[in-house]
Every structure is written in structure tokens, then in C-alpha cells.
Amino acid sequence: MSGHFKFKKAKITKKTVIIIILLIITGLVGWFTPLVFHWFEQSKQEQFESKRQEAQNSRMFGSSDDAVKKTDDALNDPSLTSDQRYRLYIDRGSISYDKNDYTDAINYFEKAEQIKQDYEIADLLSRSWDKAGNKEKAIEYYKKFIELLPDLPLRNVYKEDAENAIKRLGGSL
């Protein structure tokens, strides 16, 4: 009988069955947990996008007061990510800009700038300061816009527009 192995018959107790079941459940929980968290985060993002879209629709179709209310309501959510808060500050500032309330627009754009400094916010602030009549701040932000402008297909056009605005306001390049 060489080369053959003999195995003893395993005795399965209730305790062994319970341990096996617990191991299976633990494995399943460990496998499902990341999926549940991913679904939850995705759901929160979808809710945010839905609220933001409602406010933008109100703004587009002429109800700026409703857009302000919806955007302000969304901004009151303490679970917002910094990127979500940044987008909402830009949305809120844009509503004020459309209403020619440049002081309020600047207030919200500056809040966005505290979160992230990029060419988009520099552009919005340059135009807002320009419309508000503050040439120095407008020139400062037009220059910042040019400095932060990434390599885009229309980069030269955007840069030229900003340079022309700086010249129009009496600034130098």
C-alpha cells in the first residue's frame, strides 16, 4: 500500500459548523462593505448634482430668487466636500453676477478662491472687479488669470482678451 494516504474521517461538531458560518459571514461582510460605502458615496454625489442642477435650471429659466434659495440650501449641507462647496460658491456668485450685484458675486467668488485658486476663479473675479469699477483689483486678477491659464486649445484667445482688458483699464503687462 505504498503511495496511498489514509485519512481519518473528520468529526464535524456544532462548534465547527458555527465557526465556518461565522467565517463565511465575516468574509462576505468584508467583501460587501467597500461596495456599500462606494454606493453610499455615489448616492451622496448624485444627490448633490441633482440639487445643483435644480438651482441651475431655476437660474436658466429666470427664477434667480429660487436659484439663490436652492444654492444657499445646498451650501448649508455640512457634509459637502471642498470641491462641491467650491462649485456652489461659483454658482452662487454667478447668480449675483447675472443680477449685476457684483459686490455679492465677489464675496462668493472669494470664498471659492479660498478653497481653490485656479484660472476659472481668477477669470470670474477679474470680470467682477472690472464690472464693480475697481481697476486695480481687476488688473490684479486679469494678470492672475493669465498666470494660471493652462494649456487649452483657445489659450491664446483667452490670454489676448485678458491682456486687452488690462490695457483698457490702464495697466501694464
C-alpha atoms as a PDB file:
ATOM      1  CA  MET A   1       0.000   0.000   0.000  1.00  0.00           C
ATOM      2  CA  SER A   2       2.824   2.360  -0.506  1.00  0.00           C
ATOM      3  CA  GLY A   3       1.980   5.685  -2.104  1.00  0.00           C
ATOM      4  CA  HIS A   4      -1.518   5.782  -0.669  1.00  0.00           C
ATOM      5  CA  PHE A   5      -2.564   8.027   2.130  1.00  0.00           C
ATOM      6  CA  LYS A   6      -5.121   7.232   4.705  1.00  0.00           C
ATOM      7  CA  PHE A   7      -7.328   9.967   6.014  1.00  0.00           C
ATOM      8  CA  LYS A   8      -9.288   9.803   9.173  1.00  0.00           C
ATOM      9  CA  LYS A   9     -12.905  10.628   8.908  1.00  0.00           C
ATOM     10  CA  ALA A  10     -13.405  14.174  10.200  1.00  0.00           C
ATOM     11  CA  LYS A  11     -15.832  14.635  13.011  1.00  0.00           C
ATOM     12  CA  ILE A  12     -17.834  17.835  12.470  1.00  0.00           C
ATOM     13  CA  THR A  13     -19.252  19.317  15.619  1.00  0.00           C
ATOM     14  CA  LYS A  14     -21.809  22.092  16.056  1.00  0.00           C
ATOM     15  CA  LYS A  15     -18.986  24.354  17.174  1.00  0.00           C
ATOM     16  CA  THR A  16     -17.088  23.693  13.922  1.00  0.00           C
ATOM     17  CA  VAL A  17     -20.201  24.476  11.846  1.00  0.00           C
ATOM     18  CA  ILE A  18     -20.783  27.731  13.743  1.00  0.00           C
ATOM     19  CA  ILE A  19     -17.146  28.770  13.236  1.00  0.00           C
ATOM     20  CA  ILE A  20     -17.366  28.011   9.497  1.00  0.00           C
ATOM     21  CA  ILE A  21     -20.603  30.003   9.181  1.00  0.00           C
ATOM     22  CA  LEU A  22     -19.091  32.945  11.059  1.00  0.00           C
ATOM     23  CA  LEU A  23     -16.021  32.868   8.820  1.00  0.00           C
ATOM     24  CA  ILE A  24     -18.223  32.876   5.718  1.00  0.00           C
ATOM     25  CA  ILE A  25     -20.327  35.768   7.037  1.00  0.00           C
ATOM     26  CA  THR A  26     -17.207  37.732   8.001  1.00  0.00           C
ATOM     27  CA  GLY A  27     -15.781  37.174   4.531  1.00  0.00           C
ATOM     28  CA  LEU A  28     -18.993  38.329   2.881  1.00  0.00           C
ATOM     29  CA  VAL A  29     -19.214  41.422   5.090  1.00  0.00           C
ATOM     30  CA  GLY A  30     -15.609  42.234   4.292  1.00  0.00           C
ATOM     31  CA  TRP A  31     -16.339  41.852   0.606  1.00  0.00           C
ATOM     32  CA  PHE A  32     -19.613  43.827   0.627  1.00  0.00           C
ATOM     33  CA  THR A  33     -18.506  46.669   2.897  1.00  0.00           C
ATOM     34  CA  PRO A  34     -16.478  48.542   0.239  1.00  0.00           C
ATOM     35  CA  LEU A  35     -19.377  48.149  -2.199  1.00  0.00           C
ATOM     36  CA  VAL A  36     -21.840  49.617   0.288  1.00  0.00           C
ATOM     37  CA  PHE A  37     -19.554  52.564   1.047  1.00  0.00           C
ATOM     38  CA  HIS A  38     -18.995  53.161  -2.678  1.00  0.00           C
ATOM     39  CA  TRP A  39     -22.745  53.096  -3.296  1.00  0.00           C
ATOM     40  CA  PHE A  40     -23.337  55.477  -0.395  1.00  0.00           C
ATOM     41  CA  GLU A  41     -20.709  57.966  -1.642  1.00  0.00           C
ATOM     42  CA  GLN A  42     -22.047  57.719  -5.189  1.00  0.00           C
ATOM     43  CA  SER A  43     -25.564  58.322  -3.896  1.00  0.00           C
ATOM     44  CA  LYS A  44     -24.424  61.441  -1.988  1.00  0.00           C
ATOM     45  CA  GLN A  45     -22.703  62.749  -5.142  1.00  0.00           C
ATOM     46  CA  GLU A  46     -25.845  62.124  -7.202  1.00  0.00           C
ATOM     47  CA  GLN A  47     -27.957  63.974  -4.621  1.00  0.00           C
ATOM     48  CA  PHE A  48     -25.546  66.899  -4.724  1.00  0.00           C
ATOM     49  CA  GLU A  49     -25.587  67.011  -8.529  1.00  0.00           C
ATOM     50  CA  SER A  50     -29.379  66.826  -8.545  1.00  0.00           C
ATOM     51  CA  LYS A  51     -29.722  69.776  -6.130  1.00  0.00           C
ATOM     52  CA  ARG A  52     -27.146  71.764  -8.062  1.00  0.00           C
ATOM     53  CA  GLN A  53     -28.928  71.055 -11.351  1.00  0.00           C
ATOM     54  CA  GLU A  54     -32.248  72.222  -9.885  1.00  0.00           C
ATOM     55  CA  ALA A  55     -30.659  75.533  -8.888  1.00  0.00           C
ATOM     56  CA  GLN A  56     -29.038  75.929 -12.309  1.00  0.00           C
ATOM     57  CA  ASN A  57     -32.351  75.218 -14.028  1.00  0.00           C
ATOM     58  CA  SER A  58     -34.012  77.903 -11.914  1.00  0.00           C
ATOM     59  CA  ARG A  59     -31.247  80.333 -12.853  1.00  0.00           C
ATOM     60  CA  MET A  60     -31.502  79.480 -16.558  1.00  0.00           C
ATOM     61  CA  PHE A  61     -35.255  79.888 -16.688  1.00  0.00           C
ATOM     62  CA  GLY A  62     -35.354  83.278 -14.993  1.00  0.00           C
ATOM     63  CA  SER A  63     -36.045  82.495 -11.345  1.00  0.00           C
ATOM     64  CA  SER A  64     -32.881  83.830  -9.765  1.00  0.00           C
ATOM     65  CA  ASP A  65     -34.520  84.108  -6.317  1.00  0.00           C
ATOM     66  CA  ASP A  66     -35.349  80.402  -6.443  1.00  0.00           C
ATOM     67  CA  ALA A  67     -31.814  79.644  -7.656  1.00  0.00           C
ATOM     68  CA  VAL A  68     -30.385  81.642  -4.732  1.00  0.00           C
ATOM     69  CA  LYS A  69     -32.567  79.746  -2.251  1.00  0.00           C
ATOM     70  CA  LYS A  70     -31.670  76.330  -3.679  1.00  0.00           C
ATOM     71  CA  THR A  71     -27.951  77.136  -3.831  1.00  0.00           C
ATOM     72  CA  ASP A  72     -27.951  78.551  -0.300  1.00  0.00           C
ATOM     73  CA  ASP A  73     -29.801  75.455   0.938  1.00  0.00           C
ATOM     74  CA  ALA A  74     -27.196  73.246  -0.699  1.00  0.00           C
ATOM     75  CA  LEU A  75     -24.374  75.295   0.847  1.00  0.00           C
ATOM     76  CA  ASN A  76     -25.827  74.625   4.302  1.00  0.00           C
ATOM     77  CA  ASP A  77     -25.075  70.910   3.980  1.00  0.00           C
ATOM     78  CA  PRO A  78     -22.192  70.209   6.397  1.00  0.00           C
ATOM     79  CA  SER A  79     -21.221  67.025   4.544  1.00  0.00           C
ATOM     80  CA  LEU A  80     -20.165  68.840   1.354  1.00  0.00           C
ATOM     81  CA  THR A  81     -16.700  68.135   0.046  1.00  0.00           C
ATOM     82  CA  SER A  82     -14.452  71.124  -0.578  1.00  0.00           C
ATOM     83  CA  ASP A  83     -14.860  70.625  -4.332  1.00  0.00           C
ATOM     84  CA  GLN A  84     -18.661  70.623  -4.013  1.00  0.00           C
ATOM     85  CA  ARG A  85     -18.549  73.756  -1.854  1.00  0.00           C
ATOM     86  CA  TYR A  86     -16.209  75.381  -4.422  1.00  0.00           C
ATOM     87  CA  ARG A  87     -18.685  74.643  -7.252  1.00  0.00           C
ATOM     88  CA  LEU A  88     -21.628  76.005  -5.227  1.00  0.00           C
ATOM     89  CA  TYR A  89     -19.782  79.221  -4.355  1.00  0.00           C
ATOM     90  CA  ILE A  90     -19.104  79.732  -8.047  1.00  0.00           C
ATOM     91  CA  ASP A  91     -22.765  79.010  -8.863  1.00  0.00           C
ATOM     92  CA  ARG A  92     -23.945  81.416  -6.156  1.00  0.00           C
ATOM     93  CA  GLY A  93     -21.546  84.140  -7.269  1.00  0.00           C
ATOM     94  CA  SER A  94     -22.636  83.685 -10.878  1.00  0.00           C
ATOM     95  CA  ILE A  95     -26.274  84.231  -9.904  1.00  0.00           C
ATOM     96  CA  SER A  96     -25.321  87.524  -8.242  1.00  0.00           C
ATOM     97  CA  TYR A  97     -23.180  88.483 -11.233  1.00  0.00           C
ATOM     98  CA  ASP A  98     -26.136  87.889 -13.559  1.00  0.00           C
ATOM     99  CA  LYS A  99     -28.200  90.198 -11.339  1.00  0.00           C
ATOM    100  CA  ASN A 100     -25.466  92.881 -11.612  1.00  0.00           C
ATOM    101  CA  ASP A 101     -24.779  92.538  -7.882  1.00  0.00           C
ATOM    102  CA  TYR A 102     -21.013  92.483  -8.295  1.00  0.00           C
ATOM    103  CA  THR A 103     -20.229  93.002  -4.605  1.00  0.00           C
ATOM    104  CA  ASP A 104     -22.152  89.856  -3.693  1.00  0.00           C
ATOM    105  CA  ALA A 105     -20.635  87.980  -6.638  1.00  0.00           C
ATOM    106  CA  ILE A 106     -17.135  88.937  -5.488  1.00  0.00           C
ATOM    107  CA  ASN A 107     -17.981  87.763  -1.961  1.00  0.00           C
ATOM    108  CA  TYR A 108     -18.890  84.269  -3.189  1.00  0.00           C
ATOM    109  CA  PHE A 109     -16.063  84.075  -5.728  1.00  0.00           C
ATOM    110  CA  GLU A 110     -13.571  84.961  -2.972  1.00  0.00           C
ATOM    111  CA  LYS A 111     -14.998  82.141  -0.840  1.00  0.00           C
ATOM    112  CA  ALA A 112     -14.397  79.793  -3.758  1.00  0.00           C
ATOM    113  CA  GLU A 113     -10.879  81.158  -4.152  1.00  0.00           C
ATOM    114  CA  GLN A 114     -10.143  80.307  -0.506  1.00  0.00           C
ATOM    115  CA  ILE A 115     -10.839  76.677  -1.407  1.00  0.00           C
ATOM    116  CA  LYS A 116      -9.010  76.524  -4.728  1.00  0.00           C
ATOM    117  CA  GLN A 117      -7.046  79.029  -6.755  1.00  0.00           C
ATOM    118  CA  ASP A 118      -7.314  78.349 -10.451  1.00  0.00           C
ATOM    119  CA  TYR A 119      -7.796  80.192 -13.707  1.00  0.00           C
ATOM    120  CA  GLU A 120     -11.601  79.829 -13.567  1.00  0.00           C
ATOM    121  CA  ILE A 121     -11.971  81.711 -10.306  1.00  0.00           C
ATOM    122  CA  ALA A 122      -9.339  84.279 -11.339  1.00  0.00           C
ATOM    123  CA  ASP A 123     -11.375  84.931 -14.502  1.00  0.00           C
ATOM    124  CA  LEU A 124     -14.622  85.342 -12.555  1.00  0.00           C
ATOM    125  CA  LEU A 125     -13.004  87.679 -10.040  1.00  0.00           C
ATOM    126  CA  SER A 126     -11.283  89.744 -12.748  1.00  0.00           C
ATOM    127  CA  ARG A 127     -14.570  90.317 -14.565  1.00  0.00           C
ATOM    128  CA  SER A 128     -16.460  91.024 -11.337  1.00  0.00           C
ATOM    129  CA  TRP A 129     -13.906  93.552 -10.092  1.00  0.00           C
ATOM    130  CA  ASP A 130     -13.925  95.112 -13.578  1.00  0.00           C
ATOM    131  CA  LYS A 131     -17.734  95.464 -13.548  1.00  0.00           C
ATOM    132  CA  ALA A 132     -17.623  96.769  -9.962  1.00  0.00           C
ATOM    133  CA  GLY A 133     -15.260  99.518 -11.128  1.00  0.00           C
ATOM    134  CA  ASN A 134     -12.194  98.530  -9.116  1.00  0.00           C
ATOM    135  CA  LYS A 135      -9.493  98.789 -11.786  1.00  0.00           C
ATOM    136  CA  GLU A 136      -6.582  97.782  -9.538  1.00  0.00           C
ATOM    137  CA  LYS A 137      -8.239  94.558  -8.373  1.00  0.00           C
ATOM    138  CA  ALA A 138      -9.465  93.812 -11.893  1.00  0.00           C
ATOM    139  CA  ILE A 139      -5.951  94.195 -13.300  1.00  0.00           C
ATOM    140  CA  GLU A 140      -4.542  92.049 -10.482  1.00  0.00           C
ATOM    141  CA  TYR A 141      -6.967  89.227 -11.280  1.00  0.00           C
ATOM    142  CA  TYR A 142      -6.616  89.523 -15.062  1.00  0.00           C
ATOM    143  CA  LYS A 143      -2.872  89.026 -14.539  1.00  0.00           C
ATOM    144  CA  LYS A 144      -3.523  86.122 -12.186  1.00  0.00           C
ATOM    145  CA  PHE A 145      -5.849  84.616 -14.785  1.00  0.00           C
ATOM    146  CA  ILE A 146      -3.103  84.758 -17.417  1.00  0.00           C
ATOM    147  CA  GLU A 147      -0.610  83.237 -14.966  1.00  0.00           C
ATOM    148  CA  LEU A 148      -2.924  80.336 -14.052  1.00  0.00           C
ATOM    149  CA  LEU A 149      -4.246  79.711 -17.553  1.00  0.00           C
ATOM    150  CA  PRO A 150      -3.472  76.114 -18.538  1.00  0.00           C
ATOM    151  CA  ASP A 151      -2.566  74.910 -21.999  1.00  0.00           C
ATOM    152  CA  LEU A 152      -6.030  74.979 -23.575  1.00  0.00           C
ATOM    153  CA  PRO A 153      -6.945  74.973 -27.270  1.00  0.00           C
ATOM    154  CA  LEU A 154      -8.076  78.617 -27.022  1.00  0.00           C
ATOM    155  CA  ARG A 155      -5.401  79.682 -24.546  1.00  0.00           C
ATOM    156  CA  ASN A 156      -4.039  82.436 -26.799  1.00  0.00           C
ATOM    157  CA  VAL A 157      -7.512  83.887 -27.339  1.00  0.00           C
ATOM    158  CA  TYR A 158      -8.232  83.955 -23.578  1.00  0.00           C
ATOM    159  CA  LYS A 159      -4.818  85.430 -22.869  1.00  0.00           C
ATOM    160  CA  GLU A 160      -5.292  88.134 -25.508  1.00  0.00           C
ATOM    161  CA  ASP A 161      -8.724  89.048 -24.098  1.00  0.00           C
ATOM    162  CA  ALA A 162      -7.246  89.412 -20.610  1.00  0.00           C
ATOM    163  CA  GLU A 163      -4.291  91.456 -21.906  1.00  0.00           C
ATOM    164  CA  ASN A 164      -6.685  93.766 -23.774  1.00  0.00           C
ATOM    165  CA  ALA A 165      -8.725  94.222 -20.582  1.00  0.00           C
ATOM    166  CA  ILE A 166      -5.556  95.081 -18.635  1.00  0.00           C
ATOM    167  CA  LYS A 167      -4.633  97.699 -21.280  1.00  0.00           C
ATOM    168  CA  ARG A 168      -8.192  99.075 -21.345  1.00  0.00           C
ATOM    169  CA  LEU A 169      -8.008  99.557 -17.569  1.00  0.00           C
ATOM    170  CA  GLY A 170      -4.661 101.402 -17.847  1.00  0.00           C
ATOM    171  CA  GLY A 171      -2.483  98.583 -16.574  1.00  0.00           C
ATOM    172  CA  SER A 172       0.759  97.299 -17.942  1.00  0.00           C
ATOM    173  CA  LEU A 173       1.662  93.743 -18.841  1.00  0.00           C
END
